[in-house]
PDB file of N, CA and C in Angstrom:
ATOM      1  N   MET A   1     -26.000  10.947  61.909  1.00  0.00           N
ATOM      2  CA  MET A   1     -24.552  11.087  61.954  1.00  0.00           C
ATOM      3  C   MET A   1     -23.926   9.716  61.675  1.00  0.00           C
ATOM      4  N   PRO A   2     -23.085   9.606  60.659  1.00  0.00           N
ATOM      5  CA  PRO A   2     -22.448   8.319  60.356  1.00  0.00           C
ATOM      6  C   PRO A   2     -21.491   7.900  61.473  1.00  0.00           C
ATOM      7  N   SER A   3     -21.280   6.600  61.552  1.00  0.00           N
ATOM      8  CA  SER A   3     -20.389   6.040  62.560  1.00  0.00           C
ATOM      9  C   SER A   3     -19.349   5.155  61.900  1.00  0.00           C
ATOM     10  N   PHE A   4     -18.228   4.993  62.596  1.00  0.00           N
ATOM     11  CA  PHE A   4     -17.237   3.994  62.233  1.00  0.00           C
ATOM     12  C   PHE A   4     -17.597   2.764  63.048  1.00  0.00           C
ATOM     13  N   LYS A   5     -17.708   1.620  62.397  1.00  0.00           N
ATOM     14  CA  LYS A   5     -18.245   0.430  63.052  1.00  0.00           C
ATOM     15  C   LYS A   5     -17.173  -0.648  63.164  1.00  0.00           C
ATOM     16  N   PHE A   6     -17.104  -1.224  64.352  1.00  0.00           N
ATOM     17  CA  PHE A   6     -16.149  -2.299  64.625  1.00  0.00           C
ATOM     18  C   PHE A   6     -16.915  -3.504  65.121  1.00  0.00           C
ATOM     19  N   HIS A   7     -16.790  -4.620  64.393  1.00  0.00           N
ATOM     20  CA  HIS A   7     -17.477  -5.853  64.737  1.00  0.00           C
ATOM     21  C   HIS A   7     -16.494  -6.788  65.426  1.00  0.00           C
ATOM     22  N   PHE A   8     -16.765  -7.106  66.684  1.00  0.00           N
ATOM     23  CA  PHE A   8     -15.991  -8.105  67.416  1.00  0.00           C
ATOM     24  C   PHE A   8     -16.634  -9.439  67.041  1.00  0.00           C
ATOM     25  N   ILE A   9     -16.041 -10.109  66.079  1.00  0.00           N
ATOM     26  CA  ILE A   9     -16.691 -11.198  65.364  1.00  0.00           C
ATOM     27  C   ILE A   9     -17.045 -12.381  66.260  1.00  0.00           C
ATOM     28  N   GLU A  10     -16.133 -12.866  67.072  1.00  0.00           N
ATOM     29  CA  GLU A  10     -16.402 -14.068  67.861  1.00  0.00           C
ATOM     30  C   GLU A  10     -17.538 -13.879  68.870  1.00  0.00           C
ATOM     31  N   ILE A  11     -17.645 -12.693  69.436  1.00  0.00           N
ATOM     32  CA  ILE A  11     -18.695 -12.447  70.430  1.00  0.00           C
ATOM     33  C   ILE A  11     -19.905 -11.738  69.815  1.00  0.00           C
ATOM     34  N   ASP A  12     -19.816 -11.373  68.550  1.00  0.00           N
ATOM     35  CA  ASP A  12     -20.870 -10.710  67.781  1.00  0.00           C
ATOM     36  C   ASP A  12     -21.327  -9.406  68.434  1.00  0.00           C
ATOM     37  N   TRP A  13     -20.367  -8.575  68.786  1.00  0.00           N
ATOM     38  CA  TRP A  13     -20.617  -7.226  69.308  1.00  0.00           C
ATOM     39  C   TRP A  13     -20.215  -6.212  68.250  1.00  0.00           C
ATOM     40  N   ILE A  14     -20.942  -5.108  68.205  1.00  0.00           N
ATOM     41  CA  ILE A  14     -20.587  -3.995  67.335  1.00  0.00           C
ATOM     42  C   ILE A  14     -20.386  -2.773  68.216  1.00  0.00           C
ATOM     43  N   VAL A  15     -19.237  -2.114  68.048  1.00  0.00           N
ATOM     44  CA  VAL A  15     -18.951  -0.865  68.748  1.00  0.00           C
ATOM     45  C   VAL A  15     -18.964   0.240  67.701  1.00  0.00           C
ATOM     46  N   TYR A  16     -19.792   1.258  67.951  1.00  0.00           N
ATOM     47  CA  TYR A  16     -19.970   2.377  67.030  1.00  0.00           C
ATOM     48  C   TYR A  16     -19.226   3.597  67.550  1.00  0.00           C
ATOM     49  N   LEU A  17     -18.296   4.129  66.751  1.00  0.00           N
ATOM     50  CA  LEU A  17     -17.601   5.372  67.075  1.00  0.00           C
ATOM     51  C   LEU A  17     -18.163   6.454  66.166  1.00  0.00           C
ATOM     52  N   PRO A  18     -18.910   7.412  66.717  1.00  0.00           N
ATOM     53  CA  PRO A  18     -19.460   8.479  65.874  1.00  0.00           C
ATOM     54  C   PRO A  18     -18.346   9.254  65.176  1.00  0.00           C
ATOM     55  N   SER A  19     -18.608   9.657  63.940  1.00  0.00           N
ATOM     56  CA  SER A  19     -17.601  10.404  63.180  1.00  0.00           C
ATOM     57  C   SER A  19     -17.504  11.854  63.649  1.00  0.00           C
ATOM     58  N   HIS A  20     -18.478  12.330  64.430  1.00  0.00           N
ATOM     59  CA  HIS A  20     -18.473  13.694  64.955  1.00  0.00           C
ATOM     60  C   HIS A  20     -18.876  13.662  66.433  1.00  0.00           C
ATOM     61  N   GLY A  21     -18.482  14.683  67.167  1.00  0.00           N
ATOM     62  CA  GLY A  21     -18.913  14.812  68.547  1.00  0.00           C
ATOM     63  C   GLY A  21     -17.889  14.415  69.583  1.00  0.00           C
ATOM     64  N   ASN A  22     -16.740  13.905  69.153  1.00  0.00           N
ATOM     65  CA  ASN A  22     -15.699  13.515  70.096  1.00  0.00           C
ATOM     66  C   ASN A  22     -14.454  14.387  69.964  1.00  0.00           C
ATOM     67  N   GLU A  23     -14.611  15.523  69.311  1.00  0.00           N
ATOM     68  CA  GLU A  23     -13.475  16.416  69.101  1.00  0.00           C
ATOM     69  C   GLU A  23     -12.889  16.826  70.464  1.00  0.00           C
ATOM     70  N   GLY A  24     -11.557  16.801  70.559  1.00  0.00           N
ATOM     71  CA  GLY A  24     -10.870  17.209  71.776  1.00  0.00           C
ATOM     72  C   GLY A  24     -10.755  16.119  72.824  1.00  0.00           C
ATOM     73  N   ARG A  25     -11.356  14.967  72.604  1.00  0.00           N
ATOM     74  CA  ARG A  25     -11.273  13.860  73.568  1.00  0.00           C
ATOM     75  C   ARG A  25     -10.179  12.893  73.146  1.00  0.00           C
ATOM     76  N   THR A  26      -9.569  12.247  74.138  1.00  0.00           N
ATOM     77  CA  THR A  26      -8.651  11.160  73.809  1.00  0.00           C
ATOM     78  C   THR A  26      -9.487   9.980  73.338  1.00  0.00           C
ATOM     79  N   LEU A  27      -8.881   9.081  72.594  1.00  0.00           N
ATOM     80  CA  LEU A  27      -9.599   7.926  72.076  1.00  0.00           C
ATOM     81  C   LEU A  27     -10.266   7.138  73.200  1.00  0.00           C
ATOM     82  N   ARG A  28      -9.595   6.960  74.316  1.00  0.00           N
ATOM     83  CA  ARG A  28     -10.159   6.213  75.455  1.00  0.00           C
ATOM     84  C   ARG A  28     -11.444   6.838  75.971  1.00  0.00           C
ATOM     85  N   LYS A  29     -11.578   8.140  75.851  1.00  0.00           N
ATOM     86  CA  LYS A  29     -12.744   8.869  76.375  1.00  0.00           C
ATOM     87  C   LYS A  29     -13.819   9.131  75.320  1.00  0.00           C
ATOM     88  N   TYR A  30     -13.610   8.620  74.092  1.00  0.00           N
ATOM     89  CA  TYR A  30     -14.625   8.794  73.045  1.00  0.00           C
ATOM     90  C   TYR A  30     -15.967   8.283  73.542  1.00  0.00           C
ATOM     91  N   GLY A  31     -17.020   9.008  73.232  1.00  0.00           N
ATOM     92  CA  GLY A  31     -18.368   8.537  73.495  1.00  0.00           C
ATOM     93  C   GLY A  31     -18.774   7.573  72.398  1.00  0.00           C
ATOM     94  N   VAL A  32     -19.169   6.357  72.768  1.00  0.00           N
ATOM     95  CA  VAL A  32     -19.519   5.325  71.799  1.00  0.00           C
ATOM     96  C   VAL A  32     -20.838   4.665  72.199  1.00  0.00           C
ATOM     97  N   THR A  33     -21.382   3.912  71.278  1.00  0.00           N
ATOM     98  CA  THR A  33     -22.493   3.027  71.568  1.00  0.00           C
ATOM     99  C   THR A  33     -22.082   1.628  71.136  1.00  0.00           C
ATOM    100  N   TYR A  34     -22.774   0.628  71.644  1.00  0.00           N
ATOM    101  CA  TYR A  34     -22.478  -0.737  71.219  1.00  0.00           C
ATOM    102  C   TYR A  34     -23.764  -1.541  71.125  1.00  0.00           C
ATOM    103  N   LEU A  35     -23.681  -2.646  70.430  1.00  0.00           N
ATOM    104  CA  LEU A  35     -24.784  -3.583  70.300  1.00  0.00           C
ATOM    105  C   LEU A  35     -24.246  -4.992  70.492  1.00  0.00           C
ATOM    106  N   ASP A  36     -24.837  -5.721  71.433  1.00  0.00           N
ATOM    107  CA  ASP A  36     -24.558  -7.138  71.616  1.00  0.00           C
ATOM    108  C   ASP A  36     -25.577  -7.863  70.745  1.00  0.00           C
ATOM    109  N   ARG A  37     -25.159  -8.296  69.562  1.00  0.00           N
ATOM    110  CA  ARG A  37     -26.097  -8.900  68.615  1.00  0.00           C
ATOM    111  C   ARG A  37     -26.654 -10.229  69.111  1.00  0.00           C
ATOM    112  N   LYS A  38     -25.892 -10.967  69.915  1.00  0.00           N
ATOM    113  CA  LYS A  38     -26.385 -12.251  70.425  1.00  0.00           C
ATOM    114  C   LYS A  38     -27.567 -12.058  71.361  1.00  0.00           C
ATOM    115  N   LYS A  39     -27.485 -11.041  72.208  1.00  0.00           N
ATOM    116  CA  LYS A  39     -28.551 -10.785  73.183  1.00  0.00           C
ATOM    117  C   LYS A  39     -29.524  -9.713  72.718  1.00  0.00           C
ATOM    118  N   GLY A  40     -29.186  -9.010  71.635  1.00  0.00           N
ATOM    119  CA  GLY A  40     -30.039  -7.943  71.153  1.00  0.00           C
ATOM    120  C   GLY A  40     -30.097  -6.766  72.107  1.00  0.00           C
ATOM    121  N   LYS A  41     -28.991  -6.515  72.811  1.00  0.00           N
ATOM    122  CA  LYS A  41     -28.957  -5.434  73.800  1.00  0.00           C
ATOM    123  C   LYS A  41     -27.871  -4.424  73.463  1.00  0.00           C
ATOM    124  N   SER A  42     -28.132  -3.173  73.853  1.00  0.00           N
ATOM    125  CA  SER A  42     -27.124  -2.132  73.722  1.00  0.00           C
ATOM    126  C   SER A  42     -26.780  -1.621  75.121  1.00  0.00           C
ATOM    127  N   GLN A  43     -25.861  -0.672  75.166  1.00  0.00           N
ATOM    128  CA  GLN A  43     -25.430  -0.122  76.449  1.00  0.00           C
ATOM    129  C   GLN A  43     -26.602   0.547  77.154  1.00  0.00           C
ATOM    130  N   THR A  44     -26.529   0.633  78.463  1.00  0.00           N
ATOM    131  CA  THR A  44     -27.560   1.360  79.195  1.00  0.00           C
ATOM    132  C   THR A  44     -27.261   2.843  79.075  1.00  0.00           C
ATOM    133  N   GLY A  45     -28.266   3.652  78.892  1.00  0.00           N
ATOM    134  CA  GLY A  45     -28.049   5.074  78.675  1.00  0.00           C
ATOM    135  C   GLY A  45     -27.727   5.343  77.225  1.00  0.00           C
ATOM    136  N   ARG A  46     -27.402   6.582  76.963  1.00  0.00           N
ATOM    137  CA  ARG A  46     -27.216   7.003  75.580  1.00  0.00           C
ATOM    138  C   ARG A  46     -25.853   6.640  75.000  1.00  0.00           C
ATOM    139  N   ILE A  47     -24.777   7.110  75.593  1.00  0.00           N
ATOM    140  CA  ILE A  47     -23.426   6.769  75.128  1.00  0.00           C
ATOM    141  C   ILE A  47     -22.557   6.467  76.334  1.00  0.00           C
ATOM    142  N   ILE A  48     -21.486   5.733  76.093  1.00  0.00           N
ATOM    143  CA  ILE A  48     -20.510   5.450  77.142  1.00  0.00           C
ATOM    144  C   ILE A  48     -19.124   5.725  76.569  1.00  0.00           C
ATOM    145  N   GLU A  49     -18.142   5.786  77.446  1.00  0.00           N
ATOM    146  CA  GLU A  49     -16.765   5.977  76.987  1.00  0.00           C
ATOM    147  C   GLU A  49     -16.240   4.672  76.394  1.00  0.00           C
ATOM    148  N   LEU A  50     -15.425   4.785  75.359  1.00  0.00           N
ATOM    149  CA  LEU A  50     -14.847   3.620  74.707  1.00  0.00           C
ATOM    150  C   LEU A  50     -14.139   2.730  75.718  1.00  0.00           C
ATOM    151  N   GLU A  51     -13.397   3.343  76.640  1.00  0.00           N
ATOM    152  CA  GLU A  51     -12.673   2.577  77.661  1.00  0.00           C
ATOM    153  C   GLU A  51     -13.622   1.661  78.430  1.00  0.00           C
ATOM    154  N   LYS A  52     -14.797   2.164  78.799  1.00  0.00           N
ATOM    155  CA  LYS A  52     -15.764   1.360  79.557  1.00  0.00           C
ATOM    156  C   LYS A  52     -16.314   0.217  78.714  1.00  0.00           C
ATOM    157  N   ALA A  53     -16.551   0.465  77.442  1.00  0.00           N
ATOM    158  CA  ALA A  53     -17.031  -0.605  76.565  1.00  0.00           C
ATOM    159  C   ALA A  53     -15.987  -1.719  76.466  1.00  0.00           C
ATOM    160  N   LEU A  54     -14.718  -1.342  76.323  1.00  0.00           N
ATOM    161  CA  LEU A  54     -13.657  -2.343  76.185  1.00  0.00           C
ATOM    162  C   LEU A  54     -13.357  -3.064  77.494  1.00  0.00           C
ATOM    163  N   LEU A  55     -13.754  -2.483  78.621  1.00  0.00           N
ATOM    164  CA  LEU A  55     -13.573  -3.135  79.920  1.00  0.00           C
ATOM    165  C   LEU A  55     -14.749  -4.027  80.302  1.00  0.00           C
ATOM    166  N   SER A  56     -15.796  -4.047  79.477  1.00  0.00           N
ATOM    167  CA  SER A  56     -16.927  -4.930  79.775  1.00  0.00           C
ATOM    168  C   SER A  56     -16.413  -6.365  79.821  1.00  0.00           C
ATOM    169  N   SER A  57     -16.997  -7.171  80.680  1.00  0.00           N
ATOM    170  CA  SER A  57     -16.483  -8.530  80.885  1.00  0.00           C
ATOM    171  C   SER A  57     -16.523  -9.358  79.602  1.00  0.00           C
ATOM    172  N   VAL A  58     -17.506  -9.150  78.759  1.00  0.00           N
ATOM    173  CA  VAL A  58     -17.607  -9.924  77.518  1.00  0.00           C
ATOM    174  C   VAL A  58     -16.394  -9.691  76.631  1.00  0.00           C
ATOM    175  N   ILE A  59     -15.927  -8.464  76.562  1.00  0.00           N
ATOM    176  CA  ILE A  59     -14.741  -8.164  75.751  1.00  0.00           C
ATOM    177  C   ILE A  59     -13.465  -8.476  76.529  1.00  0.00           C
ATOM    178  N   ALA A  60     -13.349  -7.961  77.740  1.00  0.00           N
ATOM    179  CA  ALA A  60     -12.098  -8.036  78.500  1.00  0.00           C
ATOM    180  C   ALA A  60     -11.673  -9.461  78.848  1.00  0.00           C
ATOM    181  N   LYS A  61     -12.608 -10.356  79.035  1.00  0.00           N
ATOM    182  CA  LYS A  61     -12.265 -11.721  79.466  1.00  0.00           C
ATOM    183  C   LYS A  61     -12.143 -12.712  78.322  1.00  0.00           C
ATOM    184  N   GLN A  62     -12.310 -12.261  77.080  1.00  0.00           N
ATOM    185  CA  GLN A  62     -12.331 -13.220  75.970  1.00  0.00           C
ATOM    186  C   GLN A  62     -11.329 -12.908  74.866  1.00  0.00           C
ATOM    187  N   TYR A  63     -10.250 -12.196  75.172  1.00  0.00           N
ATOM    188  CA  TYR A  63      -9.218 -11.961  74.163  1.00  0.00           C
ATOM    189  C   TYR A  63      -8.567 -13.273  73.798  1.00  0.00           C
ATOM    190  N   PRO A  64      -8.080 -13.411  72.569  1.00  0.00           N
ATOM    191  CA  PRO A  64      -8.058 -12.430  71.493  1.00  0.00           C
ATOM    192  C   PRO A  64      -9.410 -12.363  70.774  1.00  0.00           C
ATOM    193  N   HIS A  65      -9.626 -11.254  70.065  1.00  0.00           N
ATOM    194  CA  HIS A  65     -10.819 -11.029  69.253  1.00  0.00           C
ATOM    195  C   HIS A  65     -10.384 -10.735  67.825  1.00  0.00           C
ATOM    196  N   THR A  66     -11.193 -11.179  66.894  1.00  0.00           N
ATOM    197  CA  THR A  66     -11.037 -10.723  65.518  1.00  0.00           C
ATOM    198  C   THR A  66     -11.993  -9.548  65.373  1.00  0.00           C
ATOM    199  N   VAL A  67     -11.450  -8.396  64.967  1.00  0.00           N
ATOM    200  CA  VAL A  67     -12.265  -7.190  64.848  1.00  0.00           C
ATOM    201  C   VAL A  67     -12.279  -6.763  63.392  1.00  0.00           C
ATOM    202  N   GLY A  68     -13.485  -6.589  62.871  1.00  0.00           N
ATOM    203  CA  GLY A  68     -13.645  -6.117  61.503  1.00  0.00           C
ATOM    204  C   GLY A  68     -14.132  -4.683  61.500  1.00  0.00           C
ATOM    205  N   PHE A  69     -13.450  -3.824  60.754  1.00  0.00           N
ATOM    206  CA  PHE A  69     -13.856  -2.428  60.592  1.00  0.00           C
ATOM    207  C   PHE A  69     -14.705  -2.340  59.339  1.00  0.00           C
ATOM    208  N   TYR A  70     -15.882  -1.699  59.456  1.00  0.00           N
ATOM    209  CA  TYR A  70     -16.747  -1.546  58.294  1.00  0.00           C
ATOM    210  C   TYR A  70     -17.553  -0.258  58.403  1.00  0.00           C
ATOM    211  N   LEU A  71     -18.086   0.179  57.281  1.00  0.00           N
ATOM    212  CA  LEU A  71     -18.949   1.357  57.229  1.00  0.00           C
ATOM    213  C   LEU A  71     -20.369   0.981  56.827  1.00  0.00           C
ATOM    214  N   ALA A  72     -20.519  -0.089  56.040  1.00  0.00           N
ATOM    215  CA  ALA A  72     -21.833  -0.498  55.543  1.00  0.00           C
ATOM    216  C   ALA A  72     -22.005  -2.004  55.704  1.00  0.00           C
ATOM    217  N   SER A  73     -23.276  -2.413  55.739  1.00  0.00           N
ATOM    218  CA  SER A  73     -23.595  -3.831  55.836  1.00  0.00           C
ATOM    219  C   SER A  73     -24.874  -4.106  55.040  1.00  0.00           C
ATOM    220  N   LYS A  74     -25.140  -5.400  54.845  1.00  0.00           N
ATOM    221  CA  LYS A  74     -26.329  -5.828  54.109  1.00  0.00           C
ATOM    222  C   LYS A  74     -27.099  -6.833  54.954  1.00  0.00           C
ATOM    223  N   GLY A  75     -28.399  -6.897  54.745  1.00  0.00           N
ATOM    224  CA  GLY A  75     -29.221  -7.903  55.401  1.00  0.00           C
ATOM    225  C   GLY A  75     -29.563  -7.547  56.838  1.00  0.00           C
ATOM    226  N   ARG A  76     -30.313  -8.444  57.454  1.00  0.00           N
ATOM    227  CA  ARG A  76     -30.741  -8.283  58.848  1.00  0.00           C
ATOM    228  C   ARG A  76     -30.688  -9.636  59.546  1.00  0.00           C
ATOM    229  N   GLY A  77     -30.574  -9.594  60.860  1.00  0.00           N
ATOM    230  CA  GLY A  77     -30.596 -10.840  61.629  1.00  0.00           C
ATOM    231  C   GLY A  77     -29.529 -11.812  61.160  1.00  0.00           C
ATOM    232  N   LYS A  78     -29.965 -13.043  60.852  1.00  0.00           N
ATOM    233  CA  LYS A  78     -29.013 -14.083  60.440  1.00  0.00           C
ATOM    234  C   LYS A  78     -28.408 -13.835  59.064  1.00  0.00           C
ATOM    235  N   THR A  79     -29.051 -12.996  58.247  1.00  0.00           N
ATOM    236  CA  THR A  79     -28.514 -12.708  56.915  1.00  0.00           C
ATOM    237  C   THR A  79     -27.624 -11.469  56.910  1.00  0.00           C
ATOM    238  N   TRP A  80     -27.430 -10.839  58.088  1.00  0.00           N
ATOM    239  CA  TRP A  80     -26.606  -9.631  58.197  1.00  0.00           C
ATOM    240  C   TRP A  80     -25.172  -9.941  57.817  1.00  0.00           C
ATOM    241  N   LYS A  81     -24.606  -9.092  56.966  1.00  0.00           N
ATOM    242  CA  LYS A  81     -23.212  -9.276  56.534  1.00  0.00           C
ATOM    243  C   LYS A  81     -22.565  -7.912  56.366  1.00  0.00           C
ATOM    244  N   PRO A  82     -21.577  -7.598  57.219  1.00  0.00           N
ATOM    245  CA  PRO A  82     -20.858  -6.336  57.048  1.00  0.00           C
ATOM    246  C   PRO A  82     -19.859  -6.425  55.900  1.00  0.00           C
ATOM    247  N   ASP A  83     -19.634  -5.292  55.268  1.00  0.00           N
ATOM    248  CA  ASP A  83     -18.620  -5.194  54.213  1.00  0.00           C
ATOM    249  C   ASP A  83     -17.338  -4.688  54.869  1.00  0.00           C
ATOM    250  N   TYR A  84     -16.527  -5.622  55.374  1.00  0.00           N
ATOM    251  CA  TYR A  84     -15.308  -5.253  56.098  1.00  0.00           C
ATOM    252  C   TYR A  84     -14.310  -4.552  55.189  1.00  0.00           C
ATOM    253  N   LEU A  85     -13.777  -3.453  55.670  1.00  0.00           N
ATOM    254  CA  LEU A  85     -12.699  -2.762  54.971  1.00  0.00           C
ATOM    255  C   LEU A  85     -11.352  -3.291  55.443  1.00  0.00           C
ATOM    256  N   ARG A  86     -11.287  -3.656  56.736  1.00  0.00           N
ATOM    257  CA  ARG A  86     -10.069  -4.263  57.315  1.00  0.00           C
ATOM    258  C   ARG A  86     -10.469  -5.145  58.476  1.00  0.00           C
ATOM    259  N   LYS A  87      -9.695  -6.183  58.690  1.00  0.00           N
ATOM    260  CA  LYS A  87      -9.887  -7.065  59.851  1.00  0.00           C
ATOM    261  C   LYS A  87      -8.541  -7.228  60.536  1.00  0.00           C
ATOM    262  N   ARG A  88      -8.609  -7.396  61.847  1.00  0.00           N
ATOM    263  CA  ARG A  88      -7.383  -7.605  62.610  1.00  0.00           C
ATOM    264  C   ARG A  88      -7.681  -8.433  63.852  1.00  0.00           C
ATOM    265  N   LYS A  89      -6.745  -9.300  64.202  1.00  0.00           N
ATOM    266  CA  LYS A  89      -6.807 -10.051  65.458  1.00  0.00           C
ATOM    267  C   LYS A  89      -6.170  -9.163  66.514  1.00  0.00           C
ATOM    268  N   ILE A  90      -6.894  -8.904  67.608  1.00  0.00           N
ATOM    269  CA  ILE A  90      -6.349  -8.077  68.678  1.00  0.00           C
ATOM    270  C   ILE A  90      -6.302  -8.882  69.966  1.00  0.00           C
ATOM    271  N   SER A  91      -5.315  -8.577  70.795  1.00  0.00           N
ATOM    272  CA  SER A  91      -5.129  -9.336  72.030  1.00  0.00           C
ATOM    273  C   SER A  91      -5.304  -8.498  73.288  1.00  0.00           C
ATOM    274  N   SER A  92      -5.640  -7.216  73.127  1.00  0.00           N
ATOM    275  CA  SER A  92      -5.820  -6.343  74.289  1.00  0.00           C
ATOM    276  C   SER A  92      -6.543  -5.072  73.855  1.00  0.00           C
ATOM    277  N   LYS A  93      -6.996  -4.300  74.854  1.00  0.00           N
ATOM    278  CA  LYS A  93      -7.638  -3.026  74.514  1.00  0.00           C
ATOM    279  C   LYS A  93      -6.639  -2.077  73.873  1.00  0.00           C
ATOM    280  N   ASN A  94      -5.378  -2.126  74.290  1.00  0.00           N
ATOM    281  CA  ASN A  94      -4.362  -1.262  73.675  1.00  0.00           C
ATOM    282  C   ASN A  94      -4.154  -1.617  72.201  1.00  0.00           C
ATOM    283  N   ALA A  95      -4.258  -2.906  71.874  1.00  0.00           N
ATOM    284  CA  ALA A  95      -4.156  -3.322  70.474  1.00  0.00           C
ATOM    285  C   ALA A  95      -5.343  -2.778  69.674  1.00  0.00           C
ATOM    286  N   PHE A  96      -6.516  -2.678  70.306  1.00  0.00           N
ATOM    287  CA  PHE A  96      -7.670  -2.086  69.632  1.00  0.00           C
ATOM    288  C   PHE A  96      -7.423  -0.611  69.378  1.00  0.00           C
ATOM    289  N   TYR A  97      -6.913   0.118  70.381  1.00  0.00           N
ATOM    290  CA  TYR A  97      -6.613   1.545  70.191  1.00  0.00           C
ATOM    291  C   TYR A  97      -5.616   1.742  69.052  1.00  0.00           C
ATOM    292  N   THR A  98      -4.617   0.884  68.981  1.00  0.00           N
ATOM    293  CA  THR A  98      -3.626   0.969  67.902  1.00  0.00           C
ATOM    294  C   THR A  98      -4.294   0.752  66.552  1.00  0.00           C
ATOM    295  N   PHE A  99      -5.187  -0.216  66.457  1.00  0.00           N
ATOM    296  CA  PHE A  99      -5.914  -0.489  65.217  1.00  0.00           C
ATOM    297  C   PHE A  99      -6.699   0.746  64.785  1.00  0.00           C
ATOM    298  N   VAL A 100      -7.432   1.360  65.708  1.00  0.00           N
ATOM    299  CA  VAL A 100      -8.222   2.547  65.380  1.00  0.00           C
ATOM    300  C   VAL A 100      -7.317   3.680  64.906  1.00  0.00           C
ATOM    301  N   LYS A 101      -6.193   3.894  65.598  1.00  0.00           N
ATOM    302  CA  LYS A 101      -5.264   4.969  65.217  1.00  0.00           C
ATOM    303  C   LYS A 101      -4.665   4.718  63.836  1.00  0.00           C
ATOM    304  N   GLU A 102      -4.343   3.461  63.535  1.00  0.00           N
ATOM    305  CA  GLU A 102      -3.780   3.132  62.228  1.00  0.00           C
ATOM    306  C   GLU A 102      -4.771   3.386  61.097  1.00  0.00           C
ATOM    307  N   LEU A 103      -6.062   3.301  61.398  1.00  0.00           N
ATOM    308  CA  LEU A 103      -7.096   3.576  60.399  1.00  0.00           C
ATOM    309  C   LEU A 103      -7.253   5.072  60.162  1.00  0.00           C
ATOM    310  N   GLY A 104      -6.662   5.889  61.051  1.00  0.00           N
ATOM    311  CA  GLY A 104      -6.690   7.327  60.889  1.00  0.00           C
ATOM    312  C   GLY A 104      -8.043   7.955  61.212  1.00  0.00           C
ATOM    313  N   LEU A 105      -8.782   7.320  62.088  1.00  0.00           N
ATOM    314  CA  LEU A 105     -10.129   7.827  62.413  1.00  0.00           C
ATOM    315  C   LEU A 105     -10.103   8.942  63.413  1.00  0.00           C
TER     316      LEU A 105
END
């Protein structure tokens, strides 16, 4: 199942929003996965709510973030490079929700 991918550039986190499976849920309650590329760790368990991912201390305590939206990337590890479709500086979780809504996802 393809995902919509958001790269929090400064902290090198990727939040994946599945393109299917969240029908009928509010954006805050979307089931998502994430990857902390610096530590090579993902969320515990299978999926978590978007709200919980955005409340993680790494994200919540380090605003503003530059967030890049992408669908595809190239390379691995240090050579990894996403093909950003849009980038935006966000200063809060509500600004992230607005960004996602503006993308029409």
